[in-house]
């Protein structure tokens, strides 16, 4: 799976964080209607009223690939169309 985090420099300087704390990109993205795009919603939580300015091409998030396991009884009889926030559907 791929996990997403804000760049540490933005976190330290501006308290930039992902709205859902950590983004998890799992197998639901493979056949989703989102055409493979990964959307990231960030929040500027600074109490010092600092303005974050990002130009096109600036890095603001990073992804880390992690191994994952599947249980022996991981049976599913329905097809979900996922993306962020789809887990509880």
PDB file of N, CA and C in Angstrom:
ATOM      1  N   UNK A   1       0.843  -1.177   0.000  1.00  0.00           N
ATOM      2  CA  UNK A   1       0.000   0.000   0.000  1.00  0.00           C
ATOM      3  C   UNK A   1       0.881   1.229   0.000  1.00  0.00           C
ATOM      4  N   UNK A   2       0.312   2.325  -0.384  1.00  0.00           N
ATOM      5  CA  UNK A   2       1.011   3.596  -0.419  1.00  0.00           C
ATOM      6  C   UNK A   2       0.416   4.489   0.656  1.00  0.00           C
ATOM      7  N   UNK A   3       1.264   5.047   1.517  1.00  0.00           N
ATOM      8  CA  UNK A   3       0.784   6.002   2.520  1.00  0.00           C
ATOM      9  C   UNK A   3       1.302   7.386   2.143  1.00  0.00           C
ATOM     10  N   UNK A   4       0.506   8.405   2.420  1.00  0.00           N
ATOM     11  CA  UNK A   4       0.830   9.781   2.045  1.00  0.00           C
ATOM     12  C   UNK A   4       0.964  10.660   3.279  1.00  0.00           C
ATOM     13  N   UNK A   5       1.964  11.513   3.261  1.00  0.00           N
ATOM     14  CA  UNK A   5       2.238  12.422   4.372  1.00  0.00           C
ATOM     15  C   UNK A   5       2.640  13.779   3.816  1.00  0.00           C
ATOM     16  N   UNK A   6       2.432  14.871   4.577  1.00  0.00           N
ATOM     17  CA  UNK A   6       2.920  16.168   4.116  1.00  0.00           C
ATOM     18  C   UNK A   6       4.441  16.205   4.210  1.00  0.00           C
ATOM     19  N   UNK A   7       5.072  17.009   3.405  1.00  0.00           N
ATOM     20  CA  UNK A   7       6.522  17.194   3.499  1.00  0.00           C
ATOM     21  C   UNK A   7       6.851  17.748   4.883  1.00  0.00           C
ATOM     22  N   UNK A   8       7.881  17.234   5.504  1.00  0.00           N
ATOM     23  CA  UNK A   8       8.186  17.604   6.888  1.00  0.00           C
ATOM     24  C   UNK A   8       8.512  19.088   7.042  1.00  0.00           C
ATOM     25  N   UNK A   9       9.164  19.677   6.053  1.00  0.00           N
ATOM     26  CA  UNK A   9       9.482  21.099   6.148  1.00  0.00           C
ATOM     27  C   UNK A   9       8.236  21.965   6.250  1.00  0.00           C
ATOM     28  N   UNK A  10       7.205  21.630   5.479  1.00  0.00           N
ATOM     29  CA  UNK A  10       5.945  22.385   5.557  1.00  0.00           C
ATOM     30  C   UNK A  10       5.252  22.166   6.897  1.00  0.00           C
ATOM     31  N   UNK A  11       5.386  20.966   7.433  1.00  0.00           N
ATOM     32  CA  UNK A  11       4.802  20.685   8.736  1.00  0.00           C
ATOM     33  C   UNK A  11       5.463  21.493   9.838  1.00  0.00           C
ATOM     34  N   UNK A  12       6.790  21.569   9.799  1.00  0.00           N
ATOM     35  CA  UNK A  12       7.510  22.318  10.830  1.00  0.00           C
ATOM     36  C   UNK A  12       7.298  23.820  10.707  1.00  0.00           C
ATOM     37  N   UNK A  13       7.347  24.344   9.495  1.00  0.00           N
ATOM     38  CA  UNK A  13       7.250  25.790   9.305  1.00  0.00           C
ATOM     39  C   UNK A  13       5.824  26.317   9.409  1.00  0.00           C
ATOM     40  N   UNK A  14       4.855  25.550   8.881  1.00  0.00           N
ATOM     41  CA  UNK A  14       3.489  26.067   8.760  1.00  0.00           C
ATOM     42  C   UNK A  14       2.416  25.191   9.407  1.00  0.00           C
ATOM     43  N   UNK A  15       2.802  24.058   9.982  1.00  0.00           N
ATOM     44  CA  UNK A  15       1.849  23.081  10.513  1.00  0.00           C
ATOM     45  C   UNK A  15       0.901  22.584   9.423  1.00  0.00           C
ATOM     46  N   UNK A  16       1.413  22.428   8.218  1.00  0.00           N
ATOM     47  CA  UNK A  16       0.624  21.852   7.135  1.00  0.00           C
ATOM     48  C   UNK A  16       0.421  20.377   7.447  1.00  0.00           C
ATOM     49  N   UNK A  17      -0.811  19.917   7.319  1.00  0.00           N
ATOM     50  CA  UNK A  17      -1.129  18.522   7.583  1.00  0.00           C
ATOM     51  C   UNK A  17      -2.229  18.044   6.639  1.00  0.00           C
ATOM     52  N   UNK A  18      -2.300  16.735   6.453  1.00  0.00           N
ATOM     53  CA  UNK A  18      -3.377  16.173   5.655  1.00  0.00           C
ATOM     54  C   UNK A  18      -4.666  16.236   6.467  1.00  0.00           C
ATOM     55  N   UNK A  19      -5.765  16.520   5.816  1.00  0.00           N
ATOM     56  CA  UNK A  19      -7.041  16.647   6.510  1.00  0.00           C
ATOM     57  C   UNK A  19      -7.437  15.364   7.235  1.00  0.00           C
ATOM     58  N   UNK A  20      -7.059  14.211   6.681  1.00  0.00           N
ATOM     59  CA  UNK A  20      -7.398  12.939   7.326  1.00  0.00           C
ATOM     60  C   UNK A  20      -6.186  12.329   8.026  1.00  0.00           C
ATOM     61  N   UNK A  21      -5.182  13.089   8.353  1.00  0.00           N
ATOM     62  CA  UNK A  21      -3.935  12.759   9.050  1.00  0.00           C
ATOM     63  C   UNK A  21      -2.968  11.952   8.197  1.00  0.00           C
ATOM     64  N   UNK A  22      -3.355  10.791   7.694  1.00  0.00           N
ATOM     65  CA  UNK A  22      -2.498   9.979   6.829  1.00  0.00           C
ATOM     66  C   UNK A  22      -3.347   9.464   5.673  1.00  0.00           C
ATOM     67  N   UNK A  23      -2.861   9.631   4.468  1.00  0.00           N
ATOM     68  CA  UNK A  23      -3.575   9.088   3.317  1.00  0.00           C
ATOM     69  C   UNK A  23      -3.152   7.650   3.079  1.00  0.00           C
ATOM     70  N   UNK A  24      -4.124   6.767   2.877  1.00  0.00           N
ATOM     71  CA  UNK A  24      -3.835   5.362   2.592  1.00  0.00           C
ATOM     72  C   UNK A  24      -4.397   5.045   1.214  1.00  0.00           C
ATOM     73  N   UNK A  25      -3.511   4.681   0.299  1.00  0.00           N
ATOM     74  CA  UNK A  25      -3.909   4.307  -1.047  1.00  0.00           C
ATOM     75  C   UNK A  25      -3.813   2.791  -1.123  1.00  0.00           C
ATOM     76  N   UNK A  26      -4.967   2.143  -1.266  1.00  0.00           N
ATOM     77  CA  UNK A  26      -4.989   0.683  -1.284  1.00  0.00           C
ATOM     78  C   UNK A  26      -5.596   0.188  -2.592  1.00  0.00           C
ATOM     79  N   UNK A  27      -5.964  -1.070  -2.631  1.00  0.00           N
ATOM     80  CA  UNK A  27      -6.421  -1.685  -3.881  1.00  0.00           C
ATOM     81  C   UNK A  27      -7.697  -1.064  -4.435  1.00  0.00           C
ATOM     82  N   UNK A  28      -8.477  -0.338  -3.641  1.00  0.00           N
ATOM     83  CA  UNK A  28      -9.688   0.312  -4.152  1.00  0.00           C
ATOM     84  C   UNK A  28      -9.374   1.314  -5.256  1.00  0.00           C
ATOM     85  N   UNK A  29      -8.167   1.848  -5.279  1.00  0.00           N
ATOM     86  CA  UNK A  29      -7.801   2.824  -6.301  1.00  0.00           C
ATOM     87  C   UNK A  29      -7.569   2.185  -7.662  1.00  0.00           C
ATOM     88  N   UNK A  30      -7.335   0.889  -7.707  1.00  0.00           N
ATOM     89  CA  UNK A  30      -6.948   0.241  -8.962  1.00  0.00           C
ATOM     90  C   UNK A  30      -8.035   0.307 -10.027  1.00  0.00           C
ATOM     91  N   UNK A  31      -9.264   0.014  -9.674  1.00  0.00           N
ATOM     92  CA  UNK A  31     -10.361   0.034 -10.654  1.00  0.00           C
ATOM     93  C   UNK A  31     -11.362   1.153 -10.378  1.00  0.00           C
ATOM     94  N   UNK A  32     -10.951   2.191  -9.706  1.00  0.00           N
ATOM     95  CA  UNK A  32     -11.870   3.257  -9.332  1.00  0.00           C
ATOM     96  C   UNK A  32     -12.156   4.191 -10.504  1.00  0.00           C
ATOM     97  N   UNK A  33     -13.226   4.966 -10.372  1.00  0.00           N
ATOM     98  CA  UNK A  33     -13.589   5.963 -11.381  1.00  0.00           C
ATOM     99  C   UNK A  33     -12.676   7.188 -11.354  1.00  0.00           C
ATOM    100  N   UNK A  34     -11.720   7.240 -10.427  1.00  0.00           N
ATOM    101  CA  UNK A  34     -10.869   8.425 -10.306  1.00  0.00           C
ATOM    102  C   UNK A  34      -9.720   8.431 -11.316  1.00  0.00           C
ATOM    103  N   UNK A  35      -9.696   7.479 -12.240  1.00  0.00           N
ATOM    104  CA  UNK A  35      -8.708   7.401 -13.314  1.00  0.00           C
ATOM    105  C   UNK A  35      -7.274   7.323 -12.801  1.00  0.00           C
ATOM    106  N   UNK A  36      -7.091   6.842 -11.561  1.00  0.00           N
ATOM    107  CA  UNK A  36      -5.759   6.702 -11.005  1.00  0.00           C
ATOM    108  C   UNK A  36      -5.195   7.947 -10.348  1.00  0.00           C
ATOM    109  N   UNK A  37      -5.955   9.043 -10.348  1.00  0.00           N
ATOM    110  CA  UNK A  37      -5.482  10.258  -9.696  1.00  0.00           C
ATOM    111  C   UNK A  37      -5.526  10.104  -8.185  1.00  0.00           C
ATOM    112  N   UNK A  38      -4.532  10.623  -7.532  1.00  0.00           N
ATOM    113  CA  UNK A  38      -4.499  10.638  -6.070  1.00  0.00           C
ATOM    114  C   UNK A  38      -4.706  12.081  -5.636  1.00  0.00           C
ATOM    115  N   UNK A  39      -5.776  12.314  -4.900  1.00  0.00           N
ATOM    116  CA  UNK A  39      -6.103  13.658  -4.441  1.00  0.00           C
ATOM    117  C   UNK A  39      -5.670  13.791  -2.987  1.00  0.00           C
ATOM    118  N   UNK A  40      -5.064  14.936  -2.663  1.00  0.00           N
ATOM    119  CA  UNK A  40      -4.562  15.174  -1.314  1.00  0.00           C
ATOM    120  C   UNK A  40      -5.127  16.507  -0.838  1.00  0.00           C
ATOM    121  N   UNK A  41      -5.830  16.474   0.293  1.00  0.00           N
ATOM    122  CA  UNK A  41      -6.362  17.698   0.871  1.00  0.00           C
ATOM    123  C   UNK A  41      -5.493  18.066   2.069  1.00  0.00           C
ATOM    124  N   UNK A  42      -4.868  19.252   2.006  1.00  0.00           N
ATOM    125  CA  UNK A  42      -3.995  19.687   3.089  1.00  0.00           C
ATOM    126  C   UNK A  42      -4.614  20.882   3.808  1.00  0.00           C
ATOM    127  N   UNK A  43      -4.199  21.070   5.058  1.00  0.00           N
ATOM    128  CA  UNK A  43      -4.697  22.156   5.895  1.00  0.00           C
ATOM    129  C   UNK A  43      -3.502  22.913   6.462  1.00  0.00           C
ATOM    130  N   UNK A  44      -3.574  24.223   6.437  1.00  0.00           N
ATOM    131  CA  UNK A  44      -2.573  25.077   7.082  1.00  0.00           C
ATOM    132  C   UNK A  44      -3.091  25.360   8.489  1.00  0.00           C
ATOM    133  N   UNK A  45      -2.550  24.665   9.498  1.00  0.00           N
ATOM    134  CA  UNK A  45      -3.052  24.769  10.875  1.00  0.00           C
ATOM    135  C   UNK A  45      -2.195  25.694  11.735  1.00  0.00           C
ATOM    136  N   UNK A  46      -1.429  26.575  11.119  1.00  0.00           N
ATOM    137  CA  UNK A  46      -0.560  27.453  11.899  1.00  0.00           C
ATOM    138  C   UNK A  46      -1.376  28.411  12.752  1.00  0.00           C
ATOM    139  N   UNK A  47      -0.877  28.672  13.948  1.00  0.00           N
ATOM    140  CA  UNK A  47      -1.513  29.662  14.822  1.00  0.00           C
ATOM    141  C   UNK A  47      -0.804  31.013  14.693  1.00  0.00           C
ATOM    142  N   UNK A  48       0.278  31.033  13.900  1.00  0.00           N
ATOM    143  CA  UNK A  48       1.052  32.261  13.692  1.00  0.00           C
ATOM    144  C   UNK A  48       0.573  33.015  12.458  1.00  0.00           C
ATOM    145  N   UNK A  49      -0.506  32.569  11.837  1.00  0.00           N
ATOM    146  CA  UNK A  49      -1.093  33.214  10.655  1.00  0.00           C
ATOM    147  C   UNK A  49      -0.103  33.322   9.502  1.00  0.00           C
ATOM    148  N   UNK A  50       0.721  32.291   9.325  1.00  0.00           N
ATOM    149  CA  UNK A  50       1.657  32.246   8.206  1.00  0.00           C
ATOM    150  C   UNK A  50       0.921  31.750   6.966  1.00  0.00           C
ATOM    151  N   UNK A  51       1.225  32.333   5.835  1.00  0.00           N
ATOM    152  CA  UNK A  51       0.612  31.943   4.575  1.00  0.00           C
ATOM    153  C   UNK A  51       1.531  30.980   3.839  1.00  0.00           C
ATOM    154  N   UNK A  52       0.983  29.869   3.409  1.00  0.00           N
ATOM    155  CA  UNK A  52       1.734  28.894   2.627  1.00  0.00           C
ATOM    156  C   UNK A  52       1.483  29.193   1.157  1.00  0.00           C
ATOM    157  N   UNK A  53       2.546  29.331   0.397  1.00  0.00           N
ATOM    158  CA  UNK A  53       2.412  29.553  -1.036  1.00  0.00           C
ATOM    159  C   UNK A  53       3.108  28.415  -1.764  1.00  0.00           C
ATOM    160  N   UNK A  54       2.354  27.703  -2.581  1.00  0.00           N
ATOM    161  CA  UNK A  54       2.897  26.603  -3.373  1.00  0.00           C
ATOM    162  C   UNK A  54       2.772  26.954  -4.850  1.00  0.00           C
ATOM    163  N   UNK A  55       3.876  26.833  -5.569  1.00  0.00           N
ATOM    164  CA  UNK A  55       3.858  27.060  -7.010  1.00  0.00           C
ATOM    165  C   UNK A  55       3.693  25.713  -7.711  1.00  0.00           C
ATOM    166  N   UNK A  56       3.263  25.749  -8.937  1.00  0.00           N
ATOM    167  CA  UNK A  56       3.141  24.519  -9.721  1.00  0.00           C
ATOM    168  C   UNK A  56       4.468  23.790  -9.713  1.00  0.00           C
ATOM    169  N   UNK A  57       4.437  22.517  -9.393  1.00  0.00           N
ATOM    170  CA  UNK A  57       5.646  21.709  -9.357  1.00  0.00           C
ATOM    171  C   UNK A  57       6.297  21.612  -7.985  1.00  0.00           C
ATOM    172  N   UNK A  58       5.877  22.437  -7.019  1.00  0.00           N
ATOM    173  CA  UNK A  58       6.433  22.356  -5.668  1.00  0.00           C
ATOM    174  C   UNK A  58       5.988  21.065  -4.990  1.00  0.00           C
ATOM    175  N   UNK A  59       6.873  20.435  -4.276  1.00  0.00           N
ATOM    176  CA  UNK A  59       6.517  19.246  -3.510  1.00  0.00           C
ATOM    177  C   UNK A  59       5.837  19.642  -2.216  1.00  0.00           C
ATOM    178  N   UNK A  60       4.721  19.026  -1.905  1.00  0.00           N
ATOM    179  CA  UNK A  60       4.024  19.326  -0.661  1.00  0.00           C
ATOM    180  C   UNK A  60       3.634  18.055   0.092  1.00  0.00           C
ATOM    181  N   UNK A  61       3.784  16.907  -0.551  1.00  0.00           N
ATOM    182  CA  UNK A  61       3.462  15.639   0.094  1.00  0.00           C
ATOM    183  C   UNK A  61       4.449  14.588  -0.400  1.00  0.00           C
ATOM    184  N   UNK A  62       4.534  13.501   0.357  1.00  0.00           N
ATOM    185  CA  UNK A  62       5.407  12.403  -0.042  1.00  0.00           C
ATOM    186  C   UNK A  62       4.700  11.090   0.237  1.00  0.00           C
ATOM    187  N   UNK A  63       5.042  10.100  -0.553  1.00  0.00           N
ATOM    188  CA  UNK A  63       4.435   8.788  -0.400  1.00  0.00           C
ATOM    189  C   UNK A  63       5.461   7.762   0.025  1.00  0.00           C
ATOM    190  N   UNK A  64       5.022   6.823   0.848  1.00  0.00           N
ATOM    191  CA  UNK A  64       5.882   5.735   1.303  1.00  0.00           C
ATOM    192  C   UNK A  64       5.153   4.427   1.023  1.00  0.00           C
ATOM    193  N   UNK A  65       5.790   3.540   0.258  1.00  0.00           N
ATOM    194  CA  UNK A  65       5.220   2.227  -0.005  1.00  0.00           C
ATOM    195  C   UNK A  65       5.522   1.298   1.167  1.00  0.00           C
ATOM    196  N   UNK A  66       4.491   0.612   1.648  1.00  0.00           N
ATOM    197  CA  UNK A  66       4.627  -0.317   2.762  1.00  0.00           C
ATOM    198  C   UNK A  66       4.041  -1.668   2.381  1.00  0.00           C
ATOM    199  N   UNK A  67       4.650  -2.760   2.850  1.00  0.00           N
ATOM    200  CA  UNK A  67       4.055  -4.079   2.596  1.00  0.00           C
ATOM    201  C   UNK A  67       2.785  -4.239   3.435  1.00  0.00           C
ATOM    202  N   UNK A  68       1.907  -5.118   3.005  1.00  0.00           N
ATOM    203  CA  UNK A  68       0.687  -5.375   3.774  1.00  0.00           C
ATOM    204  C   UNK A  68       0.354  -6.852   3.665  1.00  0.00           C
ATOM    205  N   UNK A  69      -0.462  -7.318   4.576  1.00  0.00           N
ATOM    206  CA  UNK A  69      -0.868  -8.718   4.570  1.00  0.00           C
ATOM    207  C   UNK A  69      -2.366  -8.850   4.353  1.00  0.00           C
ATOM    208  N   UNK A  70      -2.777 -10.006   3.894  1.00  0.00           N
ATOM    209  CA  UNK A  70      -4.200 -10.318   3.696  1.00  0.00           C
ATOM    210  C   UNK A  70      -4.503 -11.578   4.493  1.00  0.00           C
ATOM    211  N   UNK A  71      -5.608 -11.571   5.189  1.00  0.00           N
ATOM    212  CA  UNK A  71      -5.981 -12.736   5.989  1.00  0.00           C
ATOM    213  C   UNK A  71      -6.429 -13.883   5.094  1.00  0.00           C
ATOM    214  N   UNK A  72      -6.398 -15.089   5.631  1.00  0.00           N
ATOM    215  CA  UNK A  72      -6.834 -16.266   4.879  1.00  0.00           C
ATOM    216  C   UNK A  72      -8.317 -16.224   4.555  1.00  0.00           C
ATOM    217  N   UNK A  73      -9.110 -15.584   5.412  1.00  0.00           N
ATOM    218  CA  UNK A  73     -10.567 -15.556   5.217  1.00  0.00           C
ATOM    219  C   UNK A  73     -11.063 -14.184   4.761  1.00  0.00           C
ATOM    220  N   UNK A  74     -10.290 -13.518   3.937  1.00  0.00           N
ATOM    221  CA  UNK A  74     -10.633 -12.180   3.461  1.00  0.00           C
ATOM    222  C   UNK A  74     -11.561 -12.283   2.248  1.00  0.00           C
ATOM    223  N   UNK A  75     -12.744 -12.815   2.460  1.00  0.00           N
ATOM    224  CA  UNK A  75     -13.724 -13.017   1.386  1.00  0.00           C
ATOM    225  C   UNK A  75     -14.608 -11.777   1.255  1.00  0.00           C
ATOM    226  N   UNK A  76     -14.936 -11.437   0.033  1.00  0.00           N
ATOM    227  CA  UNK A  76     -15.819 -10.304  -0.224  1.00  0.00           C
ATOM    228  C   UNK A  76     -16.713 -10.675  -1.404  1.00  0.00           C
ATOM    229  N   UNK A  77     -18.007 -10.472  -1.261  1.00  0.00           N
ATOM    230  CA  UNK A  77     -18.918 -10.843  -2.345  1.00  0.00           C
ATOM    231  C   UNK A  77     -19.534  -9.637  -3.054  1.00  0.00           C
ATOM    232  N   UNK A  78     -19.013  -8.438  -2.754  1.00  0.00           N
ATOM    233  CA  UNK A  78     -19.490  -7.232  -3.430  1.00  0.00           C
ATOM    234  C   UNK A  78     -18.301  -6.477  -4.000  1.00  0.00           C
ATOM    235  N   UNK A  79     -18.560  -5.702  -5.033  1.00  0.00           N
ATOM    236  CA  UNK A  79     -17.499  -4.884  -5.628  1.00  0.00           C
ATOM    237  C   UNK A  79     -17.718  -3.443  -5.209  1.00  0.00           C
ATOM    238  N   UNK A  80     -16.686  -2.840  -4.613  1.00  0.00           N
ATOM    239  CA  UNK A  80     -16.758  -1.435  -4.210  1.00  0.00           C
ATOM    240  C   UNK A  80     -16.064  -0.578  -5.250  1.00  0.00           C
ATOM    241  N   UNK A  81     -16.470   0.654  -5.342  1.00  0.00           N
ATOM    242  CA  UNK A  81     -15.795   1.630  -6.183  1.00  0.00           C
ATOM    243  C   UNK A  81     -15.228   2.662  -5.227  1.00  0.00           C
ATOM    244  N   UNK A  82     -13.945   2.567  -4.902  1.00  0.00           N
ATOM    245  CA  UNK A  82     -13.390   3.307  -3.781  1.00  0.00           C
ATOM    246  C   UNK A  82     -12.648   4.568  -4.131  1.00  0.00           C
ATOM    247  N   UNK A  83     -12.030   5.079  -3.131  1.00  0.00           N
ATOM    248  CA  UNK A  83     -11.285   6.312  -3.134  1.00  0.00           C
ATOM    249  C   UNK A  83     -11.280   6.821  -1.708  1.00  0.00           C
ATOM    250  N   UNK A  84     -10.799   8.024  -1.461  1.00  0.00           N
ATOM    251  CA  UNK A  84     -10.791   8.538  -0.108  1.00  0.00           C
ATOM    252  C   UNK A  84     -12.197   8.549   0.469  1.00  0.00           C
ATOM    253  N   UNK A  85     -12.336   8.041   1.680  1.00  0.00           N
ATOM    254  CA  UNK A  85     -13.620   8.051   2.380  1.00  0.00           C
ATOM    255  C   UNK A  85     -14.568   6.956   1.975  1.00  0.00           C
ATOM    256  N   UNK A  86     -14.124   5.969   1.204  1.00  0.00           N
ATOM    257  CA  UNK A  86     -15.051   4.947   0.723  1.00  0.00           C
ATOM    258  C   UNK A  86     -15.108   3.714   1.606  1.00  0.00           C
ATOM    259  N   UNK A  87     -14.246   3.615   2.608  1.00  0.00           N
ATOM    260  CA  UNK A  87     -14.135   2.396   3.387  1.00  0.00           C
ATOM    261  C   UNK A  87     -15.434   2.002   4.072  1.00  0.00           C
ATOM    262  N   UNK A  88     -16.205   2.959   4.551  1.00  0.00           N
ATOM    263  CA  UNK A  88     -17.418   2.625   5.303  1.00  0.00           C
ATOM    264  C   UNK A  88     -18.661   2.487   4.429  1.00  0.00           C
ATOM    265  N   UNK A  89     -18.525   2.590   3.123  1.00  0.00           N
ATOM    266  CA  UNK A  89     -19.705   2.478   2.246  1.00  0.00           C
ATOM    267  C   UNK A  89     -20.234   1.073   2.192  1.00  0.00           C
TER     268      UNK A  89
END
